[in-house]
Amino acid sequence: MKNVIQILILTIIIFVVITLVTMKIETPFDGNDTYGFPLTFHIKWSGMCFECPENPTETYYGYLLIDFIIAFLISIGIWKIFGKLKSKKS
C-alpha cells in the first residue's frame, strides 16, 4: 500500500510539473491560455476575437484523463528505474 501511495504522489507531482512547464499564457497579448501536454485539456480564450464563444473557457475532461494517465505511466517507469538502481546497490 505504501508503494501505491508513493506512485500516486509521484504521478501528481509529474502531472503538475509537466502542466506548469508546458502551459502557454498569452492573455496579455490577445492570445489564448492553454494547459496540457501532450493534449490540451484547458483553453481560456481572451483578447479580441471574431465570433467569440459564449463561455471564455473550455475544459476537455477526456484529454485531462489521458494526460493524467500519461503522467501515471511516466511515474511507474521512474519508480521501476529507481527500484532497479536501488537493488543493484544492495
PDB file of N, CA and C in Angstrom:
ATOM      1  N   MET A   1       0.819  -1.194   0.000  1.00  0.00           N
ATOM      2  CA  MET A   1       0.000   0.000   0.000  1.00  0.00           C
ATOM      3  C   MET A   1       0.865   1.261   0.000  1.00  0.00           C
ATOM      4  N   LYS A   2       2.011   1.176   0.668  1.00  0.00           N
ATOM      5  CA  LYS A   2       2.911   2.323   0.734  1.00  0.00           C
ATOM      6  C   LYS A   2       3.431   2.678  -0.659  1.00  0.00           C
ATOM      7  N   ASN A   3       3.727   1.659  -1.463  1.00  0.00           N
ATOM      8  CA  ASN A   3       4.219   1.903  -2.824  1.00  0.00           C
ATOM      9  C   ASN A   3       3.161   2.567  -3.691  1.00  0.00           C
ATOM     10  N   VAL A   4       1.910   2.156  -3.532  1.00  0.00           N
ATOM     11  CA  VAL A   4       0.824   2.737  -4.328  1.00  0.00           C
ATOM     12  C   VAL A   4       0.672   4.220  -4.005  1.00  0.00           C
ATOM     13  N   ILE A   5       0.714   4.562  -2.750  1.00  0.00           N
ATOM     14  CA  ILE A   5       0.595   5.968  -2.353  1.00  0.00           C
ATOM     15  C   ILE A   5       1.765   6.784  -2.882  1.00  0.00           C
ATOM     16  N   GLN A   6       2.962   6.227  -2.817  1.00  0.00           N
ATOM     17  CA  GLN A   6       4.131   6.943  -3.330  1.00  0.00           C
ATOM     18  C   GLN A   6       4.045   7.132  -4.845  1.00  0.00           C
ATOM     19  N   ILE A   7       3.559   6.124  -5.554  1.00  0.00           N
ATOM     20  CA  ILE A   7       3.404   6.254  -7.006  1.00  0.00           C
ATOM     21  C   ILE A   7       2.348   7.302  -7.336  1.00  0.00           C
ATOM     22  N   LEU A   8       1.250   7.339  -6.592  1.00  0.00           N
ATOM     23  CA  LEU A   8       0.215   8.346  -6.842  1.00  0.00           C
ATOM     24  C   LEU A   8       0.721   9.755  -6.558  1.00  0.00           C
ATOM     25  N   ILE A   9       1.484   9.915  -5.499  1.00  0.00           N
ATOM     26  CA  ILE A   9       2.069  11.231  -5.205  1.00  0.00           C
ATOM     27  C   ILE A   9       3.041  11.642  -6.308  1.00  0.00           C
ATOM     28  N   LEU A  10       3.863  10.702  -6.762  1.00  0.00           N
ATOM     29  CA  LEU A  10       4.789  10.973  -7.862  1.00  0.00           C
ATOM     30  C   LEU A  10       4.024  11.327  -9.136  1.00  0.00           C
ATOM     31  N   THR A  11       2.903  10.659  -9.382  1.00  0.00           N
ATOM     32  CA  THR A  11       2.072  10.957 -10.550  1.00  0.00           C
ATOM     33  C   THR A  11       1.546  12.386 -10.490  1.00  0.00           C
ATOM     34  N   ILE A  12       1.055  12.791  -9.342  1.00  0.00           N
ATOM     35  CA  ILE A  12       0.534  14.152  -9.206  1.00  0.00           C
ATOM     36  C   ILE A  12       1.638  15.179  -9.397  1.00  0.00           C
ATOM     37  N   ILE A  13       2.798  14.920  -8.836  1.00  0.00           N
ATOM     38  CA  ILE A  13       3.927  15.847  -8.991  1.00  0.00           C
ATOM     39  C   ILE A  13       4.339  15.955 -10.448  1.00  0.00           C
ATOM     40  N   ILE A  14       4.449  14.815 -11.135  1.00  0.00           N
ATOM     41  CA  ILE A  14       4.835  14.827 -12.555  1.00  0.00           C
ATOM     42  C   ILE A  14       3.786  15.552 -13.384  1.00  0.00           C
ATOM     43  N   PHE A  15       2.507  15.295 -13.120  1.00  0.00           N
ATOM     44  CA  PHE A  15       1.430  15.948 -13.862  1.00  0.00           C
ATOM     45  C   PHE A  15       1.479  17.466 -13.681  1.00  0.00           C
ATOM     46  N   VAL A  16       1.659  17.924 -12.448  1.00  0.00           N
ATOM     47  CA  VAL A  16       1.705  19.362 -12.179  1.00  0.00           C
ATOM     48  C   VAL A  16       2.923  19.998 -12.835  1.00  0.00           C
ATOM     49  N   VAL A  17       4.078  19.350 -12.731  1.00  0.00           N
ATOM     50  CA  VAL A  17       5.302  19.909 -13.318  1.00  0.00           C
ATOM     51  C   VAL A  17       5.185  19.987 -14.841  1.00  0.00           C
ATOM     52  N   ILE A  18       4.706  18.922 -15.474  1.00  0.00           N
ATOM     53  CA  ILE A  18       4.554  18.936 -16.934  1.00  0.00           C
ATOM     54  C   ILE A  18       3.564  20.012 -17.356  1.00  0.00           C
ATOM     55  N   THR A  19       2.465  20.146 -16.622  1.00  0.00           N
ATOM     56  CA  THR A  19       1.463  21.164 -16.964  1.00  0.00           C
ATOM     57  C   THR A  19       2.029  22.573 -16.799  1.00  0.00           C
ATOM     58  N   LEU A  20       2.754  22.814 -15.710  1.00  0.00           N
ATOM     59  CA  LEU A  20       3.310  24.151 -15.489  1.00  0.00           C
ATOM     60  C   LEU A  20       4.411  24.495 -16.489  1.00  0.00           C
ATOM     61  N   VAL A  21       5.205  23.512 -16.867  1.00  0.00           N
ATOM     62  CA  VAL A  21       6.300  23.777 -17.797  1.00  0.00           C
ATOM     63  C   VAL A  21       5.784  24.016 -19.219  1.00  0.00           C
ATOM     64  N   THR A  22       4.713  23.337 -19.611  1.00  0.00           N
ATOM     65  CA  THR A  22       4.242  23.423 -20.992  1.00  0.00           C
ATOM     66  C   THR A  22       3.063  24.369 -21.192  1.00  0.00           C
ATOM     67  N   MET A  23       2.560  25.010 -20.138  1.00  0.00           N
ATOM     68  CA  MET A  23       1.418  25.916 -20.315  1.00  0.00           C
ATOM     69  C   MET A  23       1.833  27.156 -21.090  1.00  0.00           C
ATOM     70  N   LYS A  24       0.881  27.700 -21.807  1.00  0.00           N
ATOM     71  CA  LYS A  24       1.127  28.914 -22.583  1.00  0.00           C
ATOM     72  C   LYS A  24       0.166  29.984 -22.091  1.00  0.00           C
ATOM     73  N   ILE A  25       0.715  31.025 -21.505  1.00  0.00           N
ATOM     74  CA  ILE A  25      -0.079  32.152 -21.026  1.00  0.00           C
ATOM     75  C   ILE A  25       0.097  33.286 -22.022  1.00  0.00           C
ATOM     76  N   GLU A  26      -0.890  33.485 -22.873  1.00  0.00           N
ATOM     77  CA  GLU A  26      -0.819  34.530 -23.890  1.00  0.00           C
ATOM     78  C   GLU A  26      -1.924  35.559 -23.730  1.00  0.00           C
ATOM     79  N   THR A  27      -2.586  35.580 -22.581  1.00  0.00           N
ATOM     80  CA  THR A  27      -3.687  36.515 -22.353  1.00  0.00           C
ATOM     81  C   THR A  27      -3.256  37.975 -22.459  1.00  0.00           C
ATOM     82  N   PRO A  28      -2.094  38.362 -21.910  1.00  0.00           N
ATOM     83  CA  PRO A  28      -1.718  39.781 -22.016  1.00  0.00           C
ATOM     84  C   PRO A  28      -1.473  40.249 -23.449  1.00  0.00           C
ATOM     85  N   PHE A  29      -1.336  39.333 -24.391  1.00  0.00           N
ATOM     86  CA  PHE A  29      -1.010  39.684 -25.770  1.00  0.00           C
ATOM     87  C   PHE A  29      -2.130  39.305 -26.720  1.00  0.00           C
ATOM     88  N   ASP A  30      -3.377  39.352 -26.258  1.00  0.00           N
ATOM     89  CA  ASP A  30      -4.545  38.987 -27.066  1.00  0.00           C
ATOM     90  C   ASP A  30      -4.465  37.560 -27.575  1.00  0.00           C
ATOM     91  N   GLY A  31      -3.950  36.673 -26.764  1.00  0.00           N
ATOM     92  CA  GLY A  31      -3.871  35.274 -27.149  1.00  0.00           C
ATOM     93  C   GLY A  31      -4.706  34.409 -26.225  1.00  0.00           C
ATOM     94  N   ASN A  32      -4.550  33.127 -26.369  1.00  0.00           N
ATOM     95  CA  ASN A  32      -5.288  32.168 -25.555  1.00  0.00           C
ATOM     96  C   ASN A  32      -4.351  31.512 -24.556  1.00  0.00           C
ATOM     97  N   ASP A  33      -4.872  31.224 -23.383  1.00  0.00           N
ATOM     98  CA  ASP A  33      -4.117  30.443 -22.401  1.00  0.00           C
ATOM     99  C   ASP A  33      -4.435  28.970 -22.646  1.00  0.00           C
ATOM    100  N   THR A  34      -3.400  28.140 -22.736  1.00  0.00           N
ATOM    101  CA  THR A  34      -3.612  26.711 -22.947  1.00  0.00           C
ATOM    102  C   THR A  34      -2.836  25.917 -21.913  1.00  0.00           C
ATOM    103  N   TYR A  35      -3.451  24.855 -21.459  1.00  0.00           N
ATOM    104  CA  TYR A  35      -2.849  23.974 -20.459  1.00  0.00           C
ATOM    105  C   TYR A  35      -2.968  22.542 -20.941  1.00  0.00           C
ATOM    106  N   GLY A  36      -1.905  21.765 -20.694  1.00  0.00           N
ATOM    107  CA  GLY A  36      -1.942  20.357 -21.011  1.00  0.00           C
ATOM    108  C   GLY A  36      -0.865  19.943 -21.982  1.00  0.00           C
ATOM    109  N   PHE A  37      -0.289  18.788 -21.723  1.00  0.00           N
ATOM    110  CA  PHE A  37       0.691  18.196 -22.612  1.00  0.00           C
ATOM    111  C   PHE A  37       0.609  16.694 -22.460  1.00  0.00           C
ATOM    112  N   PRO A  38       0.536  15.939 -23.474  1.00  0.00           N
ATOM    113  CA  PRO A  38       0.599  16.253 -24.901  1.00  0.00           C
ATOM    114  C   PRO A  38      -0.726  16.737 -25.481  1.00  0.00           C
ATOM    115  N   LEU A  39      -1.836  16.556 -24.771  1.00  0.00           N
ATOM    116  CA  LEU A  39      -3.131  17.020 -25.251  1.00  0.00           C
ATOM    117  C   LEU A  39      -3.564  18.240 -24.440  1.00  0.00           C
ATOM    118  N   THR A  40      -4.054  19.252 -25.116  1.00  0.00           N
ATOM    119  CA  THR A  40      -4.501  20.466 -24.438  1.00  0.00           C
ATOM    120  C   THR A  40      -5.864  20.197 -23.816  1.00  0.00           C
ATOM    121  N   PHE A  41      -5.912  20.233 -22.479  1.00  0.00           N
ATOM    122  CA  PHE A  41      -7.169  19.925 -21.800  1.00  0.00           C
ATOM    123  C   PHE A  41      -7.910  21.154 -21.307  1.00  0.00           C
ATOM    124  N   HIS A  42      -7.305  22.337 -21.348  1.00  0.00           N
ATOM    125  CA  HIS A  42      -7.994  23.550 -20.911  1.00  0.00           C
ATOM    126  C   HIS A  42      -7.552  24.727 -21.781  1.00  0.00           C
ATOM    127  N   ILE A  43      -8.533  25.473 -22.272  1.00  0.00           N
ATOM    128  CA  ILE A  43      -8.269  26.654 -23.088  1.00  0.00           C
ATOM    129  C   ILE A  43      -9.072  27.814 -22.517  1.00  0.00           C
ATOM    130  N   LYS A  44      -8.419  28.949 -22.387  1.00  0.00           N
ATOM    131  CA  LYS A  44      -9.108  30.176 -21.980  1.00  0.00           C
ATOM    132  C   LYS A  44      -8.931  31.186 -23.102  1.00  0.00           C
ATOM    133  N   TRP A  45     -10.033  31.529 -23.750  1.00  0.00           N
ATOM    134  CA  TRP A  45      -9.984  32.494 -24.820  1.00  0.00           C
ATOM    135  C   TRP A  45      -9.978  33.889 -24.243  1.00  0.00           C
ATOM    136  N   SER A  46      -9.233  34.777 -24.878  1.00  0.00           N
ATOM    137  CA  SER A  46      -9.169  36.156 -24.389  1.00  0.00           C
ATOM    138  C   SER A  46      -8.811  37.074 -25.544  1.00  0.00           C
ATOM    139  N   GLY A  47      -8.812  38.338 -25.247  1.00  0.00           N
ATOM    140  CA  GLY A  47      -8.425  39.322 -26.252  1.00  0.00           C
ATOM    141  C   GLY A  47      -9.537  39.566 -27.254  1.00  0.00           C
ATOM    142  N   MET A  48      -9.162  40.192 -28.339  1.00  0.00           N
ATOM    143  CA  MET A  48     -10.129  40.496 -29.376  1.00  0.00           C
ATOM    144  C   MET A  48     -10.302  39.285 -30.268  1.00  0.00           C
ATOM    145  N   CYS A  49     -11.543  38.964 -30.570  1.00  0.00           N
ATOM    146  CA  CYS A  49     -11.802  37.825 -31.458  1.00  0.00           C
ATOM    147  C   CYS A  49     -13.076  38.083 -32.238  1.00  0.00           C
ATOM    148  N   PHE A  50     -13.169  37.410 -33.345  1.00  0.00           N
ATOM    149  CA  PHE A  50     -14.353  37.488 -34.191  1.00  0.00           C
ATOM    150  C   PHE A  50     -15.190  36.251 -33.899  1.00  0.00           C
ATOM    151  N   GLU A  51     -16.450  36.435 -33.593  1.00  0.00           N
ATOM    152  CA  GLU A  51     -17.347  35.340 -33.207  1.00  0.00           C
ATOM    153  C   GLU A  51     -16.801  34.614 -31.965  1.00  0.00           C
ATOM    154  N   CYS A  52     -16.644  35.345 -30.903  1.00  0.00           N
ATOM    155  CA  CYS A  52     -16.133  34.781 -29.649  1.00  0.00           C
ATOM    156  C   CYS A  52     -17.136  33.792 -29.067  1.00  0.00           C
ATOM    157  N   PRO A  53     -16.650  32.742 -28.424  1.00  0.00           N
ATOM    158  CA  PRO A  53     -17.564  31.798 -27.784  1.00  0.00           C
ATOM    159  C   PRO A  53     -18.234  32.435 -26.568  1.00  0.00           C
ATOM    160  N   GLU A  54     -19.417  31.924 -26.212  1.00  0.00           N
ATOM    161  CA  GLU A  54     -20.129  32.474 -25.060  1.00  0.00           C
ATOM    162  C   GLU A  54     -19.365  32.239 -23.767  1.00  0.00           C
ATOM    163  N   ASN A  55     -18.796  31.059 -23.640  1.00  0.00           N
ATOM    164  CA  ASN A  55     -18.018  30.717 -22.458  1.00  0.00           C
ATOM    165  C   ASN A  55     -16.543  30.912 -22.799  1.00  0.00           C
ATOM    166  N   PRO A  56     -15.834  31.804 -22.098  1.00  0.00           N
ATOM    167  CA  PRO A  56     -14.441  32.086 -22.470  1.00  0.00           C
ATOM    168  C   PRO A  56     -13.461  30.978 -22.088  1.00  0.00           C
ATOM    169  N   THR A  57     -13.913  29.940 -21.406  1.00  0.00           N
ATOM    170  CA  THR A  57     -13.027  28.822 -21.077  1.00  0.00           C
ATOM    171  C   THR A  57     -13.666  27.521 -21.533  1.00  0.00           C
ATOM    172  N   GLU A  58     -12.818  26.570 -21.828  1.00  0.00           N
ATOM    173  CA  GLU A  58     -13.302  25.250 -22.225  1.00  0.00           C
ATOM    174  C   GLU A  58     -12.352  24.201 -21.667  1.00  0.00           C
ATOM    175  N   THR A  59     -12.915  23.192 -21.033  1.00  0.00           N
ATOM    176  CA  THR A  59     -12.127  22.110 -20.457  1.00  0.00           C
ATOM    177  C   THR A  59     -12.540  20.801 -21.107  1.00  0.00           C
ATOM    178  N   TYR A  60     -11.548  20.041 -21.557  1.00  0.00           N
ATOM    179  CA  TYR A  60     -11.774  18.738 -22.159  1.00  0.00           C
ATOM    180  C   TYR A  60     -11.364  17.670 -21.148  1.00  0.00           C
ATOM    181  N   TYR A  61     -12.345  17.076 -20.503  1.00  0.00           N
ATOM    182  CA  TYR A  61     -12.057  16.135 -19.425  1.00  0.00           C
ATOM    183  C   TYR A  61     -11.445  14.832 -19.924  1.00  0.00           C
ATOM    184  N   GLY A  62     -11.764  14.425 -21.130  1.00  0.00           N
ATOM    185  CA  GLY A  62     -11.141  13.237 -21.713  1.00  0.00           C
ATOM    186  C   GLY A  62      -9.646  13.433 -21.911  1.00  0.00           C
ATOM    187  N   TYR A  63      -9.273  14.603 -22.418  1.00  0.00           N
ATOM    188  CA  TYR A  63      -7.855  14.919 -22.599  1.00  0.00           C
ATOM    189  C   TYR A  63      -7.138  15.030 -21.254  1.00  0.00           C
ATOM    190  N   LEU A  64      -7.844  15.580 -20.253  1.00  0.00           N
ATOM    191  CA  LEU A  64      -7.280  15.669 -18.912  1.00  0.00           C
ATOM    192  C   LEU A  64      -6.987  14.278 -18.363  1.00  0.00           C
ATOM    193  N   LEU A  65      -7.914  13.356 -18.561  1.00  0.00           N
ATOM    194  CA  LEU A  65      -7.715  11.983 -18.109  1.00  0.00           C
ATOM    195  C   LEU A  65      -6.544  11.319 -18.837  1.00  0.00           C
ATOM    196  N   ILE A  66      -6.442  11.532 -20.143  1.00  0.00           N
ATOM    197  CA  ILE A  66      -5.338  10.951 -20.911  1.00  0.00           C
ATOM    198  C   ILE A  66      -4.003  11.532 -20.450  1.00  0.00           C
ATOM    199  N   ASP A  67      -3.942  12.839 -20.212  1.00  0.00           N
ATOM    200  CA  ASP A  67      -2.708  13.452 -19.710  1.00  0.00           C
ATOM    201  C   ASP A  67      -2.326  12.895 -18.346  1.00  0.00           C
ATOM    202  N   PHE A  68      -3.327  12.663 -17.493  1.00  0.00           N
ATOM    203  CA  PHE A  68      -3.043  12.114 -16.172  1.00  0.00           C
ATOM    204  C   PHE A  68      -2.560  10.666 -16.280  1.00  0.00           C
ATOM    205  N   ILE A  69      -3.135   9.899 -17.205  1.00  0.00           N
ATOM    206  CA  ILE A  69      -2.686   8.515 -17.417  1.00  0.00           C
ATOM    207  C   ILE A  69      -1.249   8.490 -17.917  1.00  0.00           C
ATOM    208  N   ILE A  70      -0.904   9.417 -18.798  1.00  0.00           N
ATOM    209  CA  ILE A  70       0.476   9.501 -19.291  1.00  0.00           C
ATOM    210  C   ILE A  70       1.421   9.828 -18.143  1.00  0.00           C
ATOM    211  N   ALA A  71       1.036  10.748 -17.267  1.00  0.00           N
ATOM    212  CA  ALA A  71       1.868  11.065 -16.094  1.00  0.00           C
ATOM    213  C   ALA A  71       1.991   9.846 -15.181  1.00  0.00           C
ATOM    214  N   PHE A  72       0.917   9.061 -15.064  1.00  0.00           N
ATOM    215  CA  PHE A  72       0.952   7.846 -14.261  1.00  0.00           C
ATOM    216  C   PHE A  72       1.932   6.822 -14.849  1.00  0.00           C
ATOM    217  N   LEU A  73       1.910   6.663 -16.166  1.00  0.00           N
ATOM    218  CA  LEU A  73       2.836   5.729 -16.816  1.00  0.00           C
ATOM    219  C   LEU A  73       4.286   6.189 -16.659  1.00  0.00           C
ATOM    220  N   ILE A  74       4.524   7.478 -16.756  1.00  0.00           N
ATOM    221  CA  ILE A  74       5.872   8.008 -16.548  1.00  0.00           C
ATOM    222  C   ILE A  74       6.326   7.745 -15.121  1.00  0.00           C
ATOM    223  N   SER A  75       5.427   7.938 -14.155  1.00  0.00           N
ATOM    224  CA  SER A  75       5.808   7.713 -12.755  1.00  0.00           C
ATOM    225  C   SER A  75       6.089   6.244 -12.482  1.00  0.00           C
ATOM    226  N   ILE A  76       5.353   5.341 -13.115  1.00  0.00           N
ATOM    227  CA  ILE A  76       5.642   3.903 -12.957  1.00  0.00           C
ATOM    228  C   ILE A  76       7.020   3.589 -13.530  1.00  0.00           C
ATOM    229  N   GLY A  77       7.336   4.167 -14.689  1.00  0.00           N
ATOM    230  CA  GLY A  77       8.656   3.959 -15.284  1.00  0.00           C
ATOM    231  C   GLY A  77       9.768   4.475 -14.397  1.00  0.00           C
ATOM    232  N   ILE A  78       9.593   5.657 -13.836  1.00  0.00           N
ATOM    233  CA  ILE A  78      10.601   6.212 -12.926  1.00  0.00           C
ATOM    234  C   ILE A  78      10.726   5.342 -11.682  1.00  0.00           C
ATOM    235  N   TRP A  79       9.592   4.861 -11.165  1.00  0.00           N
ATOM    236  CA  TRP A  79       9.592   4.006  -9.978  1.00  0.00           C
ATOM    237  C   TRP A  79      10.376   2.720 -10.231  1.00  0.00           C
ATOM    238  N   LYS A  80      10.182   2.121 -11.411  1.00  0.00           N
ATOM    239  CA  LYS A  80      10.895   0.879 -11.736  1.00  0.00           C
ATOM    240  C   LYS A  80      12.392   1.125 -11.922  1.00  0.00           C
ATOM    241  N   ILE A  81      12.751   2.237 -12.525  1.00  0.00           N
ATOM    242  CA  ILE A  81      14.167   2.562 -12.700  1.00  0.00           C
ATOM    243  C   ILE A  81      14.844   2.745 -11.346  1.00  0.00           C
ATOM    244  N   PHE A  82      14.201   3.494 -10.444  1.00  0.00           N
ATOM    245  CA  PHE A  82      14.773   3.677  -9.112  1.00  0.00           C
ATOM    246  C   PHE A  82      14.839   2.361  -8.347  1.00  0.00           C
ATOM    247  N   GLY A  83      13.849   1.493  -8.547  1.00  0.00           N
ATOM    248  CA  GLY A  83      13.872   0.192  -7.895  1.00  0.00           C
ATOM    249  C   GLY A  83      15.034  -0.667  -8.366  1.00  0.00           C
ATOM    250  N   LYS A  84      15.313  -0.638  -9.656  1.00  0.00           N
ATOM    251  CA  LYS A  84      16.442  -1.394 -10.197  1.00  0.00           C
ATOM    252  C   LYS A  84      17.771  -0.814  -9.704  1.00  0.00           C
ATOM    253  N   LEU A  85      17.863   0.500  -9.669  1.00  0.00           N
ATOM    254  CA  LEU A  85      19.106   1.117  -9.178  1.00  0.00           C
ATOM    255  C   LEU A  85      19.320   0.810  -7.695  1.00  0.00           C
ATOM    256  N   LYS A  86      18.234   0.801  -6.942  1.00  0.00           N
ATOM    257  CA  LYS A  86      18.332   0.518  -5.514  1.00  0.00           C
ATOM    258  C   LYS A  86      18.722  -0.934  -5.263  1.00  0.00           C
ATOM    259  N   SER A  87      18.193  -1.856  -6.091  1.00  0.00           N
ATOM    260  CA  SER A  87      18.531  -3.273  -5.909  1.00  0.00           C
ATOM    261  C   SER A  87      19.980  -3.562  -6.333  1.00  0.00           C
ATOM    262  N   LYS A  88      20.522  -2.821  -7.270  1.00  0.00           N
ATOM    263  CA  LYS A  88      21.908  -3.012  -7.675  1.00  0.00           C
ATOM    264  C   LYS A  88      22.870  -2.548  -6.580  1.00  0.00           C
ATOM    265  N   LYS A  89      22.482  -1.522  -5.831  1.00  0.00           N
ATOM    266  CA  LYS A  89      23.326  -1.034  -4.751  1.00  0.00           C
ATOM    267  C   LYS A  89      23.355  -2.003  -3.570  1.00  0.00           C
ATOM    268  N   SER A  90      22.293  -2.758  -3.394  1.00  0.00           N
ATOM    269  CA  SER A  90      22.208  -3.663  -2.238  1.00  0.00           C
ATOM    270  C   SER A  90      23.083  -4.865  -2.351  1.00  0.00           C
TER     271      SER A  90
END
